[in-house]
Amino acid sequence: MIREEVLEQLHQVKALREILDEKEELLRTMKSIALEAMNAGDSRRIVLNQSFQDLQNQLVYLESKISVSFPEVLNNSIE
């Protein structure tokens, strides 16, 4: 019984790690876009802003996926 529980926890950790890796990549891309926008012209800045907003939406989705799929991880990290 304990072996199965440990294997399930391992599976959950791997799944969470994949989501967190994706979140990290999104944040890096958002940072890159923000840095580029600082020196971009108006028309380019509009395009970059739209890309940034799209990434923000993806980030919100990933964060909600984490909170729904892994509530016990969040609860343990707060304690």
C-alpha atoms as a PDB file:
ATOM      1  CA  MET A   1       0.000   0.000   0.000  1.00  0.00           C
ATOM      2  CA  ILE A   2       2.739   2.468   0.920  1.00  0.00           C
ATOM      3  CA  ARG A   3       4.598   1.729  -2.312  1.00  0.00           C
ATOM      4  CA  GLU A   4       1.551   2.681  -4.376  1.00  0.00           C
ATOM      5  CA  GLU A   5       1.127   5.913  -2.418  1.00  0.00           C
ATOM      6  CA  VAL A   6       4.761   6.824  -2.921  1.00  0.00           C
ATOM      7  CA  LEU A   7       4.510   6.085  -6.645  1.00  0.00           C
ATOM      8  CA  GLU A   8       1.398   8.258  -6.891  1.00  0.00           C
ATOM      9  CA  GLN A   9       3.163  11.087  -5.071  1.00  0.00           C
ATOM     10  CA  LEU A  10       6.124  10.721  -7.407  1.00  0.00           C
ATOM     11  CA  HIS A  11       3.789  10.945 -10.384  1.00  0.00           C
ATOM     12  CA  GLN A  12       2.217  14.102  -8.934  1.00  0.00           C
ATOM     13  CA  VAL A  13       5.621  15.673  -8.330  1.00  0.00           C
ATOM     14  CA  LYS A  14       6.671  14.961 -11.918  1.00  0.00           C
ATOM     15  CA  ALA A  15       3.432  16.447 -13.254  1.00  0.00           C
ATOM     16  CA  LEU A  16       3.821  19.538 -11.087  1.00  0.00           C
ATOM     17  CA  ARG A  17       7.434  19.907 -12.172  1.00  0.00           C
ATOM     18  CA  GLU A  18       6.383  19.902 -15.825  1.00  0.00           C
ATOM     19  CA  ILE A  19       3.832  22.634 -15.163  1.00  0.00           C
ATOM     20  CA  LEU A  20       6.349  24.678 -13.184  1.00  0.00           C
ATOM     21  CA  ASP A  21       8.908  24.303 -15.986  1.00  0.00           C
ATOM     22  CA  GLU A  22       6.312  25.607 -18.422  1.00  0.00           C
ATOM     23  CA  LYS A  23       5.503  28.479 -16.067  1.00  0.00           C
ATOM     24  CA  GLU A  24       9.194  29.342 -15.786  1.00  0.00           C
ATOM     25  CA  GLU A  25       9.523  29.434 -19.573  1.00  0.00           C
ATOM     26  CA  LEU A  26       6.487  31.713 -19.837  1.00  0.00           C
ATOM     27  CA  LEU A  27       7.969  34.084 -17.272  1.00  0.00           C
ATOM     28  CA  ARG A  28      11.292  34.186 -19.110  1.00  0.00           C
ATOM     29  CA  THR A  29       9.531  34.977 -22.366  1.00  0.00           C
ATOM     30  CA  MET A  30       7.459  37.677 -20.671  1.00  0.00           C
ATOM     31  CA  LYS A  31      10.625  39.242 -19.274  1.00  0.00           C
ATOM     32  CA  SER A  32      12.224  39.185 -22.702  1.00  0.00           C
ATOM     33  CA  ILE A  33       9.180  40.849 -24.255  1.00  0.00           C
ATOM     34  CA  ALA A  34       9.115  43.516 -21.547  1.00  0.00           C
ATOM     35  CA  LEU A  35      12.780  44.298 -22.062  1.00  0.00           C
ATOM     36  CA  GLU A  36      12.343  44.529 -25.826  1.00  0.00           C
ATOM     37  CA  ALA A  37       9.287  46.766 -25.442  1.00  0.00           C
ATOM     38  CA  MET A  38      11.332  49.292 -23.493  1.00  0.00           C
ATOM     39  CA  ASN A  39      13.293  50.173 -26.619  1.00  0.00           C
ATOM     40  CA  ALA A  40      10.690  49.440 -29.284  1.00  0.00           C
ATOM     41  CA  GLY A  41       8.764  51.889 -31.387  1.00  0.00           C
ATOM     42  CA  ASP A  42       5.053  52.413 -30.921  1.00  0.00           C
ATOM     43  CA  SER A  43       3.850  49.935 -33.545  1.00  0.00           C
ATOM     44  CA  ARG A  44       6.226  47.208 -32.336  1.00  0.00           C
ATOM     45  CA  ARG A  45       5.270  47.927 -28.722  1.00  0.00           C
ATOM     46  CA  ILE A  46       1.600  47.290 -29.579  1.00  0.00           C
ATOM     47  CA  VAL A  47       2.483  43.883 -31.013  1.00  0.00           C
ATOM     48  CA  LEU A  48       4.671  43.071 -28.030  1.00  0.00           C
ATOM     49  CA  ASN A  49       1.929  44.150 -25.659  1.00  0.00           C
ATOM     50  CA  GLN A  50      -0.520  41.755 -27.299  1.00  0.00           C
ATOM     51  CA  SER A  51       2.001  38.923 -27.064  1.00  0.00           C
ATOM     52  CA  PHE A  52       2.618  39.794 -23.412  1.00  0.00           C
ATOM     53  CA  GLN A  53      -1.111  39.744 -22.652  1.00  0.00           C
ATOM     54  CA  ASP A  54      -1.467  36.356 -24.353  1.00  0.00           C
ATOM     55  CA  LEU A  55       1.322  35.005 -22.168  1.00  0.00           C
ATOM     56  CA  GLN A  56      -0.326  36.499 -19.075  1.00  0.00           C
ATOM     57  CA  ASN A  57      -3.486  34.575 -19.923  1.00  0.00           C
ATOM     58  CA  GLN A  58      -1.472  31.380 -20.263  1.00  0.00           C
ATOM     59  CA  LEU A  59       0.179  32.106 -16.922  1.00  0.00           C
ATOM     60  CA  VAL A  60      -3.180  32.576 -15.204  1.00  0.00           C
ATOM     61  CA  TYR A  61      -4.322  29.256 -16.685  1.00  0.00           C
ATOM     62  CA  LEU A  62      -1.212  27.444 -15.421  1.00  0.00           C
ATOM     63  CA  GLU A  63      -1.562  28.945 -11.956  1.00  0.00           C
ATOM     64  CA  SER A  64      -5.192  27.882 -11.751  1.00  0.00           C
ATOM     65  CA  LYS A  65      -4.213  24.413 -12.982  1.00  0.00           C
ATOM     66  CA  ILE A  66      -1.656  24.196 -10.187  1.00  0.00           C
ATOM     67  CA  SER A  67      -4.099  25.325  -7.506  1.00  0.00           C
ATOM     68  CA  VAL A  68      -6.803  22.913  -8.701  1.00  0.00           C
ATOM     69  CA  SER A  69      -4.570  19.908  -9.431  1.00  0.00           C
ATOM     70  CA  PHE A  70      -2.164  20.233  -6.518  1.00  0.00           C
ATOM     71  CA  PRO A  71      -3.944  21.912  -3.585  1.00  0.00           C
ATOM     72  CA  GLU A  72      -2.106  19.770  -1.039  1.00  0.00           C
ATOM     73  CA  VAL A  73       1.233  21.065  -2.304  1.00  0.00           C
ATOM     74  CA  LEU A  74       0.084  24.639  -1.872  1.00  0.00           C
ATOM     75  CA  ASN A  75      -1.301  23.924   1.601  1.00  0.00           C
ATOM     76  CA  ASN A  76       1.939  22.251   2.674  1.00  0.00           C
ATOM     77  CA  SER A  77       4.076  25.111   1.373  1.00  0.00           C
ATOM     78  CA  ILE A  78       2.072  27.657   3.388  1.00  0.00           C
ATOM     79  CA  GLU A  79       2.414  25.802   6.681  1.00  0.00           C
END
